[in-house]
Amino acid sequence: APVFAEARYSARVPENNAAGALVLRVRAADADWGENARVRYRLWEGRVRGAPLSSYVSVEAETG
């Protein structure tokens, strides 16, 4: 299974943060070989004030 560089990640976002601004970068590695070592990231879909979390933030699937 992938292992994250940090046990827990946390970020504070300014109220008027610019669209597209970096909020947080996470990193994980998998000890497998080849395609099985590939780590892809995704946002667990939740809701914020009734709107999908993905309407507020996005995740770069390849880089975290």
Protein backbone atom coordinates (compact mmCIF):
# COMPACT_ATOMS: atom_id res chain seq x y z
CA ALA A 1 0.00 0.00 0.00
CA PRO A 2 1.19 3.58 -0.58
CA VAL A 3 2.88 5.30 2.35
CA PHE A 4 2.42 9.04 2.81
CA ALA A 5 5.39 11.26 3.70
CA GLU A 6 3.39 12.72 6.61
CA ALA A 7 0.97 10.94 8.92
CA ARG A 8 -1.43 13.90 8.75
CA TYR A 9 -1.73 16.96 6.54
CA SER A 10 -3.30 20.29 7.42
CA ALA A 11 -3.64 23.61 5.61
CA ARG A 12 -5.12 27.02 6.24
CA VAL A 13 -6.67 28.82 3.32
CA PRO A 14 -6.95 32.62 3.28
CA GLU A 15 -10.50 33.89 2.88
CA ASN A 16 -9.76 35.54 -0.48
CA ASN A 17 -7.36 32.93 -1.84
CA ALA A 18 -6.85 33.31 -5.59
CA ALA A 19 -8.44 30.71 -7.84
CA GLY A 20 -5.87 28.10 -8.84
CA ALA A 21 -3.54 28.87 -5.92
CA LEU A 22 -1.68 25.97 -4.32
CA VAL A 23 -3.22 25.08 -0.96
CA LEU A 24 -1.36 21.93 0.04
CA ARG A 25 0.93 19.34 -1.53
CA VAL A 26 0.93 15.74 -0.35
CA ARG A 27 3.38 13.00 -1.23
CA ALA A 28 3.16 9.23 -1.10
CA ALA A 29 5.29 6.38 -2.39
CA ASP A 30 4.58 2.74 -3.13
CA ALA A 31 7.35 0.14 -2.82
CA ASP A 32 5.93 -2.01 -5.65
CA TRP A 33 7.51 -2.12 -9.11
CA GLY A 34 6.40 -0.64 -12.41
CA GLU A 35 2.73 0.21 -12.86
CA ASN A 36 1.92 -1.18 -9.40
CA ALA A 37 4.15 1.49 -7.84
CA ARG A 38 2.18 4.30 -9.46
CA VAL A 39 0.38 6.53 -6.98
CA ARG A 40 -2.64 8.55 -8.07
CA TYR A 41 -4.40 11.09 -5.89
CA ARG A 42 -8.05 12.03 -5.66
CA LEU A 43 -10.25 14.10 -3.42
CA TRP A 44 -12.76 12.25 -1.29
CA GLU A 45 -16.02 13.89 -2.28
CA GLY A 46 -17.72 15.65 0.58
CA ARG A 47 -19.93 18.67 0.91
CA VAL A 48 -19.30 22.18 2.26
CA ARG A 49 -22.37 24.26 3.06
CA GLY A 50 -24.38 21.99 0.76
CA ALA A 51 -22.02 22.33 -2.22
CA PRO A 52 -19.66 19.58 -3.44
CA LEU A 53 -16.13 19.92 -2.03
CA SER A 54 -14.83 19.72 -5.60
CA SER A 55 -16.45 23.09 -6.32
CA TYR A 56 -13.94 24.62 -3.87
CA VAL A 57 -10.73 22.66 -4.42
CA SER A 58 -9.22 20.19 -6.87
CA VAL A 59 -6.42 17.64 -6.74
CA GLU A 60 -3.75 17.02 -9.35
CA ALA A 61 -4.08 13.24 -9.76
CA GLU A 62 -0.47 12.60 -10.79
CA THR A 63 1.42 14.86 -8.38
CA GLY A 64 -0.83 15.24 -5.34
